[in-house]
Amino acid sequence: MAALQDRGHGDDDVALLFGCSVQTVQATLALLECTQAVQAAVESGEITVTHARQLGDLPPEEQREKVKELTDAGAGAKGHERARRQRAVLGDTKPRLRSRKEITHALHTSSGDYADALRWVLGEERNNG
């Protein structure tokens, strides 16, 4: 992709040639700006591409430190547990989707509009009894 851009092709052209979106082209090229440690961790599956993109905004030394922290945090864990550990390292505080069980539990302690919204999320009819 980078070679095509060096030859004067824009993101639109590259996306068309690779059969992907412009956002994918930009995200992929952004990974090339990451340190070798980050690229190697993505290649080996120790961190996700999303984590690598987040690290790409940091100075090189911080990238190396964070990728080490991420790989250490994810060591020995799989799936969701690994993702949770690695999100904690990055300080990712974005709200995550709640499970049906969590929503049902919240519904039992809620009332009013909030309870109505939870029922709507669960696909339940309002109990007017």
C-alpha atoms as a PDB file:
ATOM      1  CA  MET A   1       0.000   0.000   0.000  1.00  0.00           C
ATOM      2  CA  ALA A   2       2.770   2.397   0.932  1.00  0.00           C
ATOM      3  CA  ALA A   3       4.570   1.652  -2.328  1.00  0.00           C
ATOM      4  CA  LEU A   4       1.452   2.538  -4.295  1.00  0.00           C
ATOM      5  CA  GLN A   5       1.126   5.795  -2.414  1.00  0.00           C
ATOM      6  CA  ASP A   6       4.777   6.536  -3.123  1.00  0.00           C
ATOM      7  CA  ARG A   7       3.928   6.194  -6.820  1.00  0.00           C
ATOM      8  CA  GLY A   8       1.252   8.856  -6.520  1.00  0.00           C
ATOM      9  CA  HIS A   9      -1.858   6.791  -5.855  1.00  0.00           C
ATOM     10  CA  GLY A  10      -4.280   8.211  -3.317  1.00  0.00           C
ATOM     11  CA  ASP A  11      -6.073   6.367  -0.530  1.00  0.00           C
ATOM     12  CA  ASP A  12      -9.134   5.926  -2.770  1.00  0.00           C
ATOM     13  CA  ASP A  13      -7.076   4.242  -5.505  1.00  0.00           C
ATOM     14  CA  VAL A  14      -5.282   1.974  -3.042  1.00  0.00           C
ATOM     15  CA  ALA A  15      -8.578   0.977  -1.405  1.00  0.00           C
ATOM     16  CA  LEU A  16     -10.039   0.109  -4.793  1.00  0.00           C
ATOM     17  CA  LEU A  17      -6.988  -1.957  -5.768  1.00  0.00           C
ATOM     18  CA  PHE A  18      -7.020  -3.908  -2.496  1.00  0.00           C
ATOM     19  CA  GLY A  19     -10.793  -4.206  -2.305  1.00  0.00           C
ATOM     20  CA  CYS A  20     -11.101  -2.534   1.074  1.00  0.00           C
ATOM     21  CA  SER A  21     -12.267   0.757   2.542  1.00  0.00           C
ATOM     22  CA  VAL A  22     -10.268   3.974   2.697  1.00  0.00           C
ATOM     23  CA  GLN A  23     -10.361   3.695   6.498  1.00  0.00           C
ATOM     24  CA  THR A  24      -8.700   0.265   6.264  1.00  0.00           C
ATOM     25  CA  VAL A  25      -5.962   1.679   4.052  1.00  0.00           C
ATOM     26  CA  GLN A  26      -5.331   4.544   6.465  1.00  0.00           C
ATOM     27  CA  ALA A  27      -5.343   2.246   9.494  1.00  0.00           C
ATOM     28  CA  THR A  28      -2.982  -0.228   7.845  1.00  0.00           C
ATOM     29  CA  LEU A  29      -0.559   2.494   6.826  1.00  0.00           C
ATOM     30  CA  ALA A  30      -0.691   3.934  10.338  1.00  0.00           C
ATOM     31  CA  LEU A  31       0.634   0.606  11.624  1.00  0.00           C
ATOM     32  CA  LEU A  32       3.769   1.169   9.561  1.00  0.00           C
ATOM     33  CA  GLU A  33       4.479   4.185  11.765  1.00  0.00           C
ATOM     34  CA  CYS A  34       4.614   1.943  14.849  1.00  0.00           C
ATOM     35  CA  THR A  35       7.863   0.559  16.227  1.00  0.00           C
ATOM     36  CA  GLN A  36       9.122  -2.867  15.223  1.00  0.00           C
ATOM     37  CA  ALA A  37       8.167  -4.188  18.673  1.00  0.00           C
ATOM     38  CA  VAL A  38       4.533  -3.204  18.116  1.00  0.00           C
ATOM     39  CA  GLN A  39       4.486  -4.659  14.599  1.00  0.00           C
ATOM     40  CA  ALA A  40       6.017  -7.927  15.836  1.00  0.00           C
ATOM     41  CA  ALA A  41       3.452  -8.181  18.649  1.00  0.00           C
ATOM     42  CA  VAL A  42       0.604  -7.746  16.158  1.00  0.00           C
ATOM     43  CA  GLU A  43       2.163 -10.269  13.790  1.00  0.00           C
ATOM     44  CA  SER A  44       2.501 -12.862  16.567  1.00  0.00           C
ATOM     45  CA  GLY A  45      -1.032 -12.226  17.836  1.00  0.00           C
ATOM     46  CA  GLU A  46       0.095 -10.961  21.242  1.00  0.00           C
ATOM     47  CA  ILE A  47      -1.793  -7.686  20.767  1.00  0.00           C
ATOM     48  CA  THR A  48      -4.624  -6.668  18.488  1.00  0.00           C
ATOM     49  CA  VAL A  49      -4.454  -4.273  15.581  1.00  0.00           C
ATOM     50  CA  THR A  50      -6.722  -1.954  17.569  1.00  0.00           C
ATOM     51  CA  HIS A  51      -4.190  -1.839  20.401  1.00  0.00           C
ATOM     52  CA  ALA A  52      -1.403  -1.196  17.904  1.00  0.00           C
ATOM     53  CA  ARG A  53      -3.321   1.731  16.427  1.00  0.00           C
ATOM     54  CA  GLN A  54      -3.695   3.211  19.899  1.00  0.00           C
ATOM     55  CA  LEU A  55       0.027   2.798  20.518  1.00  0.00           C
ATOM     56  CA  GLY A  56       0.849   4.460  17.197  1.00  0.00           C
ATOM     57  CA  ASP A  57       0.132   7.880  18.680  1.00  0.00           C
ATOM     58  CA  LEU A  58       2.797   7.454  21.376  1.00  0.00           C
ATOM     59  CA  PRO A  59       6.513   8.253  21.090  1.00  0.00           C
ATOM     60  CA  PRO A  60       8.634   5.190  20.141  1.00  0.00           C
ATOM     61  CA  GLU A  61      10.015   4.558  23.635  1.00  0.00           C
ATOM     62  CA  GLU A  62       6.523   4.649  25.150  1.00  0.00           C
ATOM     63  CA  GLN A  63       5.309   2.287  22.414  1.00  0.00           C
ATOM     64  CA  ARG A  64       7.982  -0.231  23.409  1.00  0.00           C
ATOM     65  CA  GLU A  65       7.079   0.068  27.095  1.00  0.00           C
ATOM     66  CA  LYS A  66       3.336  -0.263  26.492  1.00  0.00           C
ATOM     67  CA  VAL A  67       3.661  -3.216  24.132  1.00  0.00           C
ATOM     68  CA  LYS A  68       5.718  -5.004  26.800  1.00  0.00           C
ATOM     69  CA  GLU A  69       3.023  -4.226  29.396  1.00  0.00           C
ATOM     70  CA  LEU A  70       0.303  -5.444  27.024  1.00  0.00           C
ATOM     71  CA  THR A  71       2.053  -8.711  26.228  1.00  0.00           C
ATOM     72  CA  ASP A  72       2.794  -9.321  29.917  1.00  0.00           C
ATOM     73  CA  ALA A  73      -0.827  -8.594  30.849  1.00  0.00           C
ATOM     74  CA  GLY A  74      -2.154 -10.934  28.171  1.00  0.00           C
ATOM     75  CA  ALA A  75       0.265 -13.769  28.932  1.00  0.00           C
ATOM     76  CA  GLY A  76      -1.505 -16.912  30.056  1.00  0.00           C
ATOM     77  CA  ALA A  77      -4.972 -15.522  29.375  1.00  0.00           C
ATOM     78  CA  LYS A  78      -7.263 -16.164  26.447  1.00  0.00           C
ATOM     79  CA  GLY A  79     -10.285 -14.543  24.922  1.00  0.00           C
ATOM     80  CA  HIS A  80     -12.252 -12.027  26.928  1.00  0.00           C
ATOM     81  CA  GLU A  81     -10.005 -12.273  29.971  1.00  0.00           C
ATOM     82  CA  ARG A  82      -6.986 -11.344  27.867  1.00  0.00           C
ATOM     83  CA  ALA A  83      -8.871  -8.436  26.300  1.00  0.00           C
ATOM     84  CA  ARG A  84      -9.947  -7.154  29.732  1.00  0.00           C
ATOM     85  CA  ARG A  85      -6.404  -7.299  31.061  1.00  0.00           C
ATOM     86  CA  GLN A  86      -4.996  -5.499  28.048  1.00  0.00           C
ATOM     87  CA  ARG A  87      -7.710  -2.821  28.110  1.00  0.00           C
ATOM     88  CA  ALA A  88      -6.792  -2.158  31.736  1.00  0.00           C
ATOM     89  CA  VAL A  89      -3.168  -1.553  30.717  1.00  0.00           C
ATOM     90  CA  LEU A  90      -4.256   1.001  28.134  1.00  0.00           C
ATOM     91  CA  GLY A  91      -6.639   2.650  30.570  1.00  0.00           C
ATOM     92  CA  ASP A  92      -9.534   2.058  28.197  1.00  0.00           C
ATOM     93  CA  THR A  93     -12.562   3.234  30.141  1.00  0.00           C
ATOM     94  CA  LYS A  94     -15.058   3.134  27.297  1.00  0.00           C
ATOM     95  CA  PRO A  95     -18.249   1.425  28.367  1.00  0.00           C
ATOM     96  CA  ARG A  96     -18.585  -2.121  27.098  1.00  0.00           C
ATOM     97  CA  LEU A  97     -21.751  -3.832  25.983  1.00  0.00           C
ATOM     98  CA  ARG A  98     -23.611  -5.354  28.873  1.00  0.00           C
ATOM     99  CA  SER A  99     -24.718  -8.950  28.882  1.00  0.00           C
ATOM    100  CA  ARG A 100     -28.385  -9.899  29.038  1.00  0.00           C
ATOM    101  CA  LYS A 101     -27.792 -11.111  32.595  1.00  0.00           C
ATOM    102  CA  GLU A 102     -26.374  -7.725  33.655  1.00  0.00           C
ATOM    103  CA  ILE A 103     -29.272  -5.868  32.046  1.00  0.00           C
ATOM    104  CA  THR A 104     -31.830  -8.160  33.695  1.00  0.00           C
ATOM    105  CA  HIS A 105     -30.178  -7.638  37.076  1.00  0.00           C
ATOM    106  CA  ALA A 106     -30.209  -3.851  36.581  1.00  0.00           C
ATOM    107  CA  LEU A 107     -33.893  -4.026  35.634  1.00  0.00           C
ATOM    108  CA  HIS A 108     -34.807  -5.558  39.004  1.00  0.00           C
ATOM    109  CA  THR A 109     -33.364  -2.545  40.834  1.00  0.00           C
ATOM    110  CA  SER A 110     -34.627   0.130  38.432  1.00  0.00           C
ATOM    111  CA  SER A 111     -37.832   2.034  37.921  1.00  0.00           C
ATOM    112  CA  GLY A 112     -39.372   4.654  35.680  1.00  0.00           C
ATOM    113  CA  ASP A 113     -37.917   5.614  32.317  1.00  0.00           C
ATOM    114  CA  TYR A 114     -34.659   3.769  32.975  1.00  0.00           C
ATOM    115  CA  ALA A 115     -36.548   0.521  33.638  1.00  0.00           C
ATOM    116  CA  ASP A 116     -38.609   1.104  30.478  1.00  0.00           C
ATOM    117  CA  ALA A 117     -35.409   1.561  28.489  1.00  0.00           C
ATOM    118  CA  LEU A 118     -33.960  -1.655  29.916  1.00  0.00           C
ATOM    119  CA  ARG A 119     -37.153  -3.533  29.026  1.00  0.00           C
ATOM    120  CA  TRP A 120     -36.929  -2.127  25.512  1.00  0.00           C
ATOM    121  CA  VAL A 121     -33.315  -3.332  25.213  1.00  0.00           C
ATOM    122  CA  LEU A 122     -34.404  -6.790  26.354  1.00  0.00           C
ATOM    123  CA  GLY A 123     -37.325  -6.751  23.925  1.00  0.00           C
ATOM    124  CA  GLU A 124     -39.894  -7.057  26.701  1.00  0.00           C
ATOM    125  CA  GLU A 125     -43.299  -5.443  26.806  1.00  0.00           C
ATOM    126  CA  ARG A 126     -43.988  -3.013  29.619  1.00  0.00           C
ATOM    127  CA  ASN A 127     -45.950  -4.576  32.441  1.00  0.00           C
ATOM    128  CA  ASN A 128     -48.771  -2.130  33.152  1.00  0.00           C
ATOM    129  CA  GLY A 129     -50.207  -4.298  35.977  1.00  0.00           C
END
